[in-house]
């Protein structure tokens, strides 16, 4: 009898010793609940953040170049983008009101509702006053025209004692007096003197020169831009601005040519043509 009683008492004591106090159960339950709640809150916050920032929902910016504003706005609406015209230029070879430039550029990664800044082609050029160039050197005339928002046109050489001295200035083939209103960005032809004993120049190497810089390099060497030939990689005016020279005629050489000679240039956007030409 005593042995059985002792055994029961020992079993009862063992059970009591293995039981977890009530306050420890309460504490662990609350810890577990807090971890679960915190995990849910973090999950919800990250989910909400993705929605707010449109995480991983970037898109390519369309190419608005040469589009009318109506076409550009329609394209922007389809892509959930906003357009804002911030500037204008005047390009004679572009349609009035067409998009000339954009920021960010086409192909950039942006999120929906991003604002795209546009520069458009003005419907009419602003008028500037023709400066007086007679008596200036060619280099001085270039600087004066640039300051007046005009460009050097054709170099017309006539026999004179002073080489590259401006004798007359013309707009569309007609002499234009200083102070006369002319459209901004117009090309002004310069009648220049050329001493027969000092009327030769060298053809510059135009390889890899961007299209917008060709005329300046040729003028610096007292020669004219002749034909401009674009290959199949150039489709738009924007493409032409990125095109570079891969071939020219005459080619650069040690021999000289008469001042005012024309130079034909061939342009491309494919830079491999330049590497192939150099082999």
C-alpha atoms as a PDB file:
ATOM      1  CA  UNK A   1       0.000   0.000   0.000  1.00  0.00           C
ATOM      2  CA  UNK A   2       2.690   2.458   0.901  1.00  0.00           C
ATOM      3  CA  UNK A   3       4.590   1.734  -2.265  1.00  0.00           C
ATOM      4  CA  UNK A   4       1.552   2.425  -4.424  1.00  0.00           C
ATOM      5  CA  UNK A   5       0.835   5.662  -2.593  1.00  0.00           C
ATOM      6  CA  UNK A   6       4.366   6.860  -3.037  1.00  0.00           C
ATOM      7  CA  UNK A   7       4.249   6.078  -6.735  1.00  0.00           C
ATOM      8  CA  UNK A   8       1.056   8.093  -7.176  1.00  0.00           C
ATOM      9  CA  UNK A   9       2.534  11.004  -5.267  1.00  0.00           C
ATOM     10  CA  UNK A  10       5.663  10.974  -7.429  1.00  0.00           C
ATOM     11  CA  UNK A  11       3.572  10.967 -10.625  1.00  0.00           C
ATOM     12  CA  UNK A  12       1.516  13.864  -9.345  1.00  0.00           C
ATOM     13  CA  UNK A  13       4.655  15.826  -8.508  1.00  0.00           C
ATOM     14  CA  UNK A  14       6.132  15.155 -11.986  1.00  0.00           C
ATOM     15  CA  UNK A  15       2.992  16.473 -13.693  1.00  0.00           C
ATOM     16  CA  UNK A  16       3.058  19.580 -11.548  1.00  0.00           C
ATOM     17  CA  UNK A  17       6.698  20.202 -12.386  1.00  0.00           C
ATOM     18  CA  UNK A  18       6.083  19.954 -16.195  1.00  0.00           C
ATOM     19  CA  UNK A  19       3.191  22.421 -16.243  1.00  0.00           C
ATOM     20  CA  UNK A  20       4.082  25.942 -17.616  1.00  0.00           C
ATOM     21  CA  UNK A  21       3.036  28.835 -15.337  1.00  0.00           C
ATOM     22  CA  UNK A  22      -0.039  30.738 -16.593  1.00  0.00           C
ATOM     23  CA  UNK A  23       1.793  34.046 -16.916  1.00  0.00           C
ATOM     24  CA  UNK A  24       4.394  32.499 -19.221  1.00  0.00           C
ATOM     25  CA  UNK A  25       1.648  31.205 -21.536  1.00  0.00           C
ATOM     26  CA  UNK A  26       0.067  34.666 -21.613  1.00  0.00           C
ATOM     27  CA  UNK A  27       3.426  36.316 -22.416  1.00  0.00           C
ATOM     28  CA  UNK A  28       4.280  33.958 -25.296  1.00  0.00           C
ATOM     29  CA  UNK A  29       0.814  34.336 -26.804  1.00  0.00           C
ATOM     30  CA  UNK A  30       1.236  38.101 -26.858  1.00  0.00           C
ATOM     31  CA  UNK A  31       4.730  37.834 -28.352  1.00  0.00           C
ATOM     32  CA  UNK A  32       3.400  35.587 -31.109  1.00  0.00           C
ATOM     33  CA  UNK A  33       0.500  37.940 -31.760  1.00  0.00           C
ATOM     34  CA  UNK A  34       2.822  40.956 -31.871  1.00  0.00           C
ATOM     35  CA  UNK A  35       5.105  39.203 -34.389  1.00  0.00           C
ATOM     36  CA  UNK A  36       2.137  38.298 -36.582  1.00  0.00           C
ATOM     37  CA  UNK A  37       0.667  41.820 -36.429  1.00  0.00           C
ATOM     38  CA  UNK A  38       4.057  43.397 -37.136  1.00  0.00           C
ATOM     39  CA  UNK A  39       4.593  41.096 -40.120  1.00  0.00           C
ATOM     40  CA  UNK A  40       1.183  42.029 -41.509  1.00  0.00           C
ATOM     41  CA  UNK A  41       1.872  45.756 -41.043  1.00  0.00           C
ATOM     42  CA  UNK A  42       5.257  45.496 -42.813  1.00  0.00           C
ATOM     43  CA  UNK A  43       3.676  43.514 -45.656  1.00  0.00           C
ATOM     44  CA  UNK A  44       0.882  46.052 -46.062  1.00  0.00           C
ATOM     45  CA  UNK A  45       3.320  48.984 -45.966  1.00  0.00           C
ATOM     46  CA  UNK A  46       5.505  47.481 -48.681  1.00  0.00           C
ATOM     47  CA  UNK A  47       2.470  46.649 -50.790  1.00  0.00           C
ATOM     48  CA  UNK A  48       1.165  50.194 -50.408  1.00  0.00           C
ATOM     49  CA  UNK A  49       4.606  51.621 -51.222  1.00  0.00           C
ATOM     50  CA  UNK A  50       4.723  49.634 -54.444  1.00  0.00           C
ATOM     51  CA  UNK A  51       1.343  51.012 -55.462  1.00  0.00           C
ATOM     52  CA  UNK A  52       2.296  54.609 -54.606  1.00  0.00           C
ATOM     53  CA  UNK A  53       5.663  54.508 -56.391  1.00  0.00           C
ATOM     54  CA  UNK A  54       4.423  52.194 -59.161  1.00  0.00           C
ATOM     55  CA  UNK A  55       7.277  49.819 -58.384  1.00  0.00           C
ATOM     56  CA  UNK A  56       8.602  47.971 -61.460  1.00  0.00           C
ATOM     57  CA  UNK A  57       6.075  49.742 -63.699  1.00  0.00           C
ATOM     58  CA  UNK A  58       8.420  52.035 -65.588  1.00  0.00           C
ATOM     59  CA  UNK A  59       7.873  52.520 -69.298  1.00  0.00           C
ATOM     60  CA  UNK A  60       9.760  53.828 -72.313  1.00  0.00           C
ATOM     61  CA  UNK A  61       9.265  57.465 -73.311  1.00  0.00           C
ATOM     62  CA  UNK A  62       7.815  57.644 -76.854  1.00  0.00           C
ATOM     63  CA  UNK A  63       9.661  59.533 -79.576  1.00  0.00           C
ATOM     64  CA  UNK A  64       7.687  62.755 -80.102  1.00  0.00           C
ATOM     65  CA  UNK A  65      10.138  64.210 -82.661  1.00  0.00           C
ATOM     66  CA  UNK A  66       8.476  65.727 -85.748  1.00  0.00           C
ATOM     67  CA  UNK A  67       4.976  65.072 -84.371  1.00  0.00           C
ATOM     68  CA  UNK A  68       2.379  67.807 -84.410  1.00  0.00           C
ATOM     69  CA  UNK A  69       1.196  68.851 -80.953  1.00  0.00           C
ATOM     70  CA  UNK A  70      -2.116  67.064 -81.575  1.00  0.00           C
ATOM     71  CA  UNK A  71      -0.288  63.812 -82.379  1.00  0.00           C
ATOM     72  CA  UNK A  72       2.089  64.275 -79.446  1.00  0.00           C
ATOM     73  CA  UNK A  73      -0.769  64.829 -76.972  1.00  0.00           C
ATOM     74  CA  UNK A  74      -2.619  61.776 -78.254  1.00  0.00           C
ATOM     75  CA  UNK A  75       0.516  59.642 -77.895  1.00  0.00           C
ATOM     76  CA  UNK A  76       1.189  61.068 -74.422  1.00  0.00           C
ATOM     77  CA  UNK A  77      -2.389  60.330 -73.286  1.00  0.00           C
ATOM     78  CA  UNK A  78      -2.063  56.716 -74.433  1.00  0.00           C
ATOM     79  CA  UNK A  79       1.141  56.399 -72.388  1.00  0.00           C
ATOM     80  CA  UNK A  80      -0.311  58.282 -69.362  1.00  0.00           C
ATOM     81  CA  UNK A  81       2.304  61.028 -69.667  1.00  0.00           C
ATOM     82  CA  UNK A  82       2.022  64.817 -69.423  1.00  0.00           C
ATOM     83  CA  UNK A  83       3.424  67.266 -71.985  1.00  0.00           C
ATOM     84  CA  UNK A  84       4.665  70.802 -71.394  1.00  0.00           C
ATOM     85  CA  UNK A  85       6.041  73.147 -74.079  1.00  0.00           C
ATOM     86  CA  UNK A  86       8.958  75.040 -72.550  1.00  0.00           C
ATOM     87  CA  UNK A  87      10.756  76.525 -75.569  1.00  0.00           C
ATOM     88  CA  UNK A  88      10.632  77.092 -79.316  1.00  0.00           C
ATOM     89  CA  UNK A  89      13.085  77.387 -82.188  1.00  0.00           C
ATOM     90  CA  UNK A  90      12.655  78.026 -85.876  1.00  0.00           C
ATOM     91  CA  UNK A  91      13.840  75.345 -88.311  1.00  0.00           C
ATOM     92  CA  UNK A  92      12.959  76.000 -91.939  1.00  0.00           C
ATOM     93  CA  UNK A  93      12.977  72.287 -92.822  1.00  0.00           C
ATOM     94  CA  UNK A  94      10.483  71.339 -90.125  1.00  0.00           C
ATOM     95  CA  UNK A  95       6.722  71.734 -90.097  1.00  0.00           C
ATOM     96  CA  UNK A  96       5.529  74.713 -88.025  1.00  0.00           C
ATOM     97  CA  UNK A  97       4.489  73.611 -84.545  1.00  0.00           C
ATOM     98  CA  UNK A  98       6.230  70.223 -84.826  1.00  0.00           C
ATOM     99  CA  UNK A  99       8.167  68.835 -81.875  1.00  0.00           C
ATOM    100  CA  UNK A 100      11.866  69.623 -82.271  1.00  0.00           C
ATOM    101  CA  UNK A 101      13.300  68.228 -79.021  1.00  0.00           C
ATOM    102  CA  UNK A 102      12.133  66.504 -75.838  1.00  0.00           C
ATOM    103  CA  UNK A 103      13.366  65.895 -72.302  1.00  0.00           C
ATOM    104  CA  UNK A 104      13.614  63.087 -71.202  1.00  0.00           C
ATOM    105  CA  UNK A 105      14.738  61.754 -74.580  1.00  0.00           C
ATOM    106  CA  UNK A 106      12.930  58.958 -76.391  1.00  0.00           C
ATOM    107  CA  UNK A 107      13.557  55.535 -74.871  1.00  0.00           C
ATOM    108  CA  UNK A 108      14.187  56.832 -71.339  1.00  0.00           C
ATOM    109  CA  UNK A 109      12.566  54.850 -68.518  1.00  0.00           C
ATOM    110  CA  UNK A 110       9.913  56.846 -66.636  1.00  0.00           C
ATOM    111  CA  UNK A 111       6.829  56.199 -64.509  1.00  0.00           C
ATOM    112  CA  UNK A 112       3.271  57.092 -65.430  1.00  0.00           C
ATOM    113  CA  UNK A 113       2.167  60.702 -65.163  1.00  0.00           C
ATOM    114  CA  UNK A 114       5.768  61.915 -65.749  1.00  0.00           C
ATOM    115  CA  UNK A 115       6.051  65.381 -67.291  1.00  0.00           C
ATOM    116  CA  UNK A 116       7.816  65.531 -70.688  1.00  0.00           C
ATOM    117  CA  UNK A 117       9.304  68.907 -71.652  1.00  0.00           C
ATOM    118  CA  UNK A 118       9.071  69.833 -75.332  1.00  0.00           C
ATOM    119  CA  UNK A 119      10.793  72.330 -77.616  1.00  0.00           C
ATOM    120  CA  UNK A 120       8.681  72.980 -80.685  1.00  0.00           C
ATOM    121  CA  UNK A 121       9.321  74.541 -84.068  1.00  0.00           C
ATOM    122  CA  UNK A 122       7.909  78.059 -84.136  1.00  0.00           C
ATOM    123  CA  UNK A 123       5.323  78.904 -86.793  1.00  0.00           C
ATOM    124  CA  UNK A 124       7.345  81.916 -87.911  1.00  0.00           C
ATOM    125  CA  UNK A 125      10.905  83.049 -87.228  1.00  0.00           C
ATOM    126  CA  UNK A 126      11.501  86.072 -85.100  1.00  0.00           C
ATOM    127  CA  UNK A 127      13.000  89.030 -86.890  1.00  0.00           C
ATOM    128  CA  UNK A 128      16.480  90.369 -86.161  1.00  0.00           C
ATOM    129  CA  UNK A 129      18.429  93.342 -87.465  1.00  0.00           C
ATOM    130  CA  UNK A 130      21.088  92.728 -90.077  1.00  0.00           C
ATOM    131  CA  UNK A 131      24.518  93.743 -88.728  1.00  0.00           C
ATOM    132  CA  UNK A 132      27.090  95.638 -90.794  1.00  0.00           C
ATOM    133  CA  UNK A 133      29.811  93.201 -91.870  1.00  0.00           C
ATOM    134  CA  UNK A 134      31.529  95.111 -94.680  1.00  0.00           C
ATOM    135  CA  UNK A 135      35.182  95.611 -93.845  1.00  0.00           C
ATOM    136  CA  UNK A 136      35.245  92.750 -91.344  1.00  0.00           C
ATOM    137  CA  UNK A 137      37.439  89.685 -91.699  1.00  0.00           C
ATOM    138  CA  UNK A 138      35.679  86.362 -92.299  1.00  0.00           C
ATOM    139  CA  UNK A 139      36.296  85.311 -88.701  1.00  0.00           C
ATOM    140  CA  UNK A 140      34.904  88.589 -87.341  1.00  0.00           C
ATOM    141  CA  UNK A 141      31.870  88.298 -89.617  1.00  0.00           C
ATOM    142  CA  UNK A 142      31.189  84.775 -88.311  1.00  0.00           C
ATOM    143  CA  UNK A 143      31.198  85.998 -84.711  1.00  0.00           C
ATOM    144  CA  UNK A 144      28.984  88.983 -85.533  1.00  0.00           C
ATOM    145  CA  UNK A 145      26.422  86.833 -87.343  1.00  0.00           C
ATOM    146  CA  UNK A 146      26.296  84.336 -84.476  1.00  0.00           C
ATOM    147  CA  UNK A 147      25.751  87.150 -81.978  1.00  0.00           C
ATOM    148  CA  UNK A 148      22.870  88.400 -84.150  1.00  0.00           C
ATOM    149  CA  UNK A 149      21.307  84.901 -84.348  1.00  0.00           C
ATOM    150  CA  UNK A 150      22.206  84.547 -88.012  1.00  0.00           C
ATOM    151  CA  UNK A 151      24.383  82.065 -89.904  1.00  0.00           C
ATOM    152  CA  UNK A 152      27.103  82.191 -92.524  1.00  0.00           C
ATOM    153  CA  UNK A 153      25.733  81.151 -95.895  1.00  0.00           C
ATOM    154  CA  UNK A 154      27.748  80.787 -99.082  1.00  0.00           C
ATOM    155  CA  UNK A 155      31.257  82.207 -99.379  1.00  0.00           C
ATOM    156  CA  UNK A 156      31.540  84.111-102.655  1.00  0.00           C
ATOM    157  CA  UNK A 157      35.131  85.040-103.564  1.00  0.00           C
ATOM    158  CA  UNK A 158      36.085  87.881-105.916  1.00  0.00           C
ATOM    159  CA  UNK A 159      39.514  89.225-106.753  1.00  0.00           C
ATOM    160  CA  UNK A 160      40.716  91.807-104.270  1.00  0.00           C
ATOM    161  CA  UNK A 161      43.887  92.858-102.493  1.00  0.00           C
ATOM    162  CA  UNK A 162      42.757  91.665 -99.047  1.00  0.00           C
ATOM    163  CA  UNK A 163      41.931  87.966 -98.746  1.00  0.00           C
ATOM    164  CA  UNK A 164      38.858  87.068 -96.634  1.00  0.00           C
ATOM    165  CA  UNK A 165      37.833  90.708 -96.241  1.00  0.00           C
ATOM    166  CA  UNK A 166      34.039  91.141 -96.412  1.00  0.00           C
ATOM    167  CA  UNK A 167      33.074  93.282 -99.424  1.00  0.00           C
ATOM    168  CA  UNK A 168      29.310  92.742 -99.381  1.00  0.00           C
ATOM    169  CA  UNK A 169      26.558  90.865 -97.548  1.00  0.00           C
ATOM    170  CA  UNK A 170      23.574  89.175 -99.192  1.00  0.00           C
ATOM    171  CA  UNK A 171      20.315  87.570 -98.132  1.00  0.00           C
ATOM    172  CA  UNK A 172      18.770  85.161-100.660  1.00  0.00           C
ATOM    173  CA  UNK A 173      21.112  86.470-103.345  1.00  0.00           C
ATOM    174  CA  UNK A 174      20.232  90.133-102.823  1.00  0.00           C
ATOM    175  CA  UNK A 175      22.420  92.704-101.018  1.00  0.00           C
ATOM    176  CA  UNK A 176      21.000  93.483 -97.581  1.00  0.00           C
ATOM    177  CA  UNK A 177      21.746  96.750 -95.794  1.00  0.00           C
ATOM    178  CA  UNK A 178      22.785  96.929 -92.172  1.00  0.00           C
ATOM    179  CA  UNK A 179      19.764  97.412 -89.909  1.00  0.00           C
ATOM    180  CA  UNK A 180      17.346  95.699 -92.296  1.00  0.00           C
ATOM    181  CA  UNK A 181      14.970  93.173 -90.671  1.00  0.00           C
ATOM    182  CA  UNK A 182      15.728  89.564 -91.567  1.00  0.00           C
ATOM    183  CA  UNK A 183      14.337  86.295 -90.135  1.00  0.00           C
ATOM    184  CA  UNK A 184      16.420  84.888 -87.304  1.00  0.00           C
ATOM    185  CA  UNK A 185      18.644  81.870 -88.136  1.00  0.00           C
ATOM    186  CA  UNK A 186      18.799  82.998 -91.775  1.00  0.00           C
ATOM    187  CA  UNK A 187      21.936  82.302 -93.823  1.00  0.00           C
ATOM    188  CA  UNK A 188      23.798  85.394 -94.989  1.00  0.00           C
ATOM    189  CA  UNK A 189      26.049  85.000 -98.012  1.00  0.00           C
ATOM    190  CA  UNK A 190      29.362  86.828 -97.775  1.00  0.00           C
ATOM    191  CA  UNK A 191      31.204  88.378-100.720  1.00  0.00           C
ATOM    192  CA  UNK A 192      34.872  88.101 -99.807  1.00  0.00           C
ATOM    193  CA  UNK A 193      38.090  89.385-101.303  1.00  0.00           C
ATOM    194  CA  UNK A 194      40.702  86.951-102.588  1.00  0.00           C
ATOM    195  CA  UNK A 195      44.217  87.932-103.528  1.00  0.00           C
ATOM    196  CA  UNK A 196      45.272  85.760-106.507  1.00  0.00           C
ATOM    197  CA  UNK A 197      48.578  85.139-104.784  1.00  0.00           C
ATOM    198  CA  UNK A 198      46.860  84.022-101.570  1.00  0.00           C
ATOM    199  CA  UNK A 199      43.687  82.283-102.725  1.00  0.00           C
ATOM    200  CA  UNK A 200      44.433  78.637-101.876  1.00  0.00           C
ATOM    201  CA  UNK A 201      43.339  76.624 -98.864  1.00  0.00           C
ATOM    202  CA  UNK A 202      43.299  73.067 -97.511  1.00  0.00           C
ATOM    203  CA  UNK A 203      40.305  70.759 -97.260  1.00  0.00           C
ATOM    204  CA  UNK A 204      39.698  69.840 -93.578  1.00  0.00           C
ATOM    205  CA  UNK A 205      39.201  66.243 -92.481  1.00  0.00           C
ATOM    206  CA  UNK A 206      35.514  65.992 -91.563  1.00  0.00           C
ATOM    207  CA  UNK A 207      35.489  62.325 -90.520  1.00  0.00           C
ATOM    208  CA  UNK A 208      33.111  61.744 -87.568  1.00  0.00           C
ATOM    209  CA  UNK A 209      32.061  65.419 -87.546  1.00  0.00           C
ATOM    210  CA  UNK A 210      28.381  65.817 -86.505  1.00  0.00           C
ATOM    211  CA  UNK A 211      26.135  67.386 -89.115  1.00  0.00           C
ATOM    212  CA  UNK A 212      25.495  70.651 -87.175  1.00  0.00           C
ATOM    213  CA  UNK A 213      29.263  71.368 -86.993  1.00  0.00           C
ATOM    214  CA  UNK A 214      30.224  70.699 -90.624  1.00  0.00           C
ATOM    215  CA  UNK A 215      29.502  74.181 -91.954  1.00  0.00           C
ATOM    216  CA  UNK A 216      31.555  75.864 -89.231  1.00  0.00           C
ATOM    217  CA  UNK A 217      34.620  73.698 -89.925  1.00  0.00           C
ATOM    218  CA  UNK A 218      34.381  74.326 -93.658  1.00  0.00           C
ATOM    219  CA  UNK A 219      33.943  78.071 -93.212  1.00  0.00           C
ATOM    220  CA  UNK A 220      36.992  78.169 -90.951  1.00  0.00           C
ATOM    221  CA  UNK A 221      38.946  76.787 -93.925  1.00  0.00           C
ATOM    222  CA  UNK A 222      37.315  79.169 -96.452  1.00  0.00           C
ATOM    223  CA  UNK A 223      35.470  76.445 -98.382  1.00  0.00           C
ATOM    224  CA  UNK A 224      31.753  75.859 -98.971  1.00  0.00           C
ATOM    225  CA  UNK A 225      29.430  73.019 -98.097  1.00  0.00           C
ATOM    226  CA  UNK A 226      28.371  71.330-101.337  1.00  0.00           C
ATOM    227  CA  UNK A 227      26.010  68.362-101.519  1.00  0.00           C
ATOM    228  CA  UNK A 228      24.839  66.665 -98.332  1.00  0.00           C
ATOM    229  CA  UNK A 229      24.052  62.958 -98.769  1.00  0.00           C
ATOM    230  CA  UNK A 230      22.397  60.986 -95.941  1.00  0.00           C
ATOM    231  CA  UNK A 231      22.366  57.186 -95.949  1.00  0.00           C
ATOM    232  CA  UNK A 232      19.472  54.887 -94.992  1.00  0.00           C
ATOM    233  CA  UNK A 233      20.021  55.313 -91.238  1.00  0.00           C
ATOM    234  CA  UNK A 234      18.774  58.917 -91.353  1.00  0.00           C
ATOM    235  CA  UNK A 235      14.994  59.256 -91.566  1.00  0.00           C
ATOM    236  CA  UNK A 236      14.057  62.425 -89.661  1.00  0.00           C
ATOM    237  CA  UNK A 237      15.461  65.855 -88.952  1.00  0.00           C
ATOM    238  CA  UNK A 238      16.351  64.663 -85.461  1.00  0.00           C
ATOM    239  CA  UNK A 239      18.294  61.791 -87.038  1.00  0.00           C
ATOM    240  CA  UNK A 240      20.227  64.263 -89.178  1.00  0.00           C
ATOM    241  CA  UNK A 241      21.394  66.137 -86.089  1.00  0.00           C
ATOM    242  CA  UNK A 242      22.955  62.912 -84.795  1.00  0.00           C
ATOM    243  CA  UNK A 243      24.447  61.899 -88.148  1.00  0.00           C
ATOM    244  CA  UNK A 244      28.226  62.067 -88.638  1.00  0.00           C
ATOM    245  CA  UNK A 245      30.474  62.272 -91.700  1.00  0.00           C
ATOM    246  CA  UNK A 246      31.859  58.943 -92.903  1.00  0.00           C
ATOM    247  CA  UNK A 247      33.032  60.095 -96.345  1.00  0.00           C
ATOM    248  CA  UNK A 248      33.763  63.361 -98.134  1.00  0.00           C
ATOM    249  CA  UNK A 249      34.764  64.637-101.555  1.00  0.00           C
ATOM    250  CA  UNK A 250      37.366  66.033-102.122  1.00  0.00           C
ATOM    251  CA  UNK A 251      39.208  63.980 -99.508  1.00  0.00           C
ATOM    252  CA  UNK A 252      41.691  65.709 -97.178  1.00  0.00           C
ATOM    253  CA  UNK A 253      45.062  65.915 -98.918  1.00  0.00           C
ATOM    254  CA  UNK A 254      48.342  67.781 -98.888  1.00  0.00           C
ATOM    255  CA  UNK A 255      47.337  69.592-102.080  1.00  0.00           C
ATOM    256  CA  UNK A 256      45.405  72.859-101.916  1.00  0.00           C
ATOM    257  CA  UNK A 257      42.159  74.004-103.541  1.00  0.00           C
ATOM    258  CA  UNK A 258      40.810  77.430-104.407  1.00  0.00           C
ATOM    259  CA  UNK A 259      38.970  79.260-101.644  1.00  0.00           C
ATOM    260  CA  UNK A 260      35.229  78.871-101.967  1.00  0.00           C
ATOM    261  CA  UNK A 261      35.465  75.340-103.407  1.00  0.00           C
ATOM    262  CA  UNK A 262      32.506  73.049-102.546  1.00  0.00           C
ATOM    263  CA  UNK A 263      32.894  69.918-100.421  1.00  0.00           C
ATOM    264  CA  UNK A 264      30.383  67.056-100.668  1.00  0.00           C
ATOM    265  CA  UNK A 265      29.730  65.136 -97.439  1.00  0.00           C
ATOM    266  CA  UNK A 266      28.179  61.727 -96.786  1.00  0.00           C
ATOM    267  CA  UNK A 267      26.523  61.178 -93.410  1.00  0.00           C
ATOM    268  CA  UNK A 268      25.317  58.246 -91.348  1.00  0.00           C
ATOM    269  CA  UNK A 269      24.289  57.240 -87.834  1.00  0.00           C
ATOM    270  CA  UNK A 270      26.173  53.962 -88.231  1.00  0.00           C
ATOM    271  CA  UNK A 271      29.575  54.504 -86.600  1.00  0.00           C
ATOM    272  CA  UNK A 272      30.865  51.192 -87.943  1.00  0.00           C
ATOM    273  CA  UNK A 273      31.144  52.820 -91.388  1.00  0.00           C
ATOM    274  CA  UNK A 274      33.836  55.098 -89.978  1.00  0.00           C
ATOM    275  CA  UNK A 275      35.732  52.181 -88.444  1.00  0.00           C
ATOM    276  CA  UNK A 276      35.506  50.264 -91.733  1.00  0.00           C
ATOM    277  CA  UNK A 277      36.751  53.287 -93.682  1.00  0.00           C
ATOM    278  CA  UNK A 278      39.777  53.558 -91.384  1.00  0.00           C
ATOM    279  CA  UNK A 279      40.913  49.971 -92.011  1.00  0.00           C
END
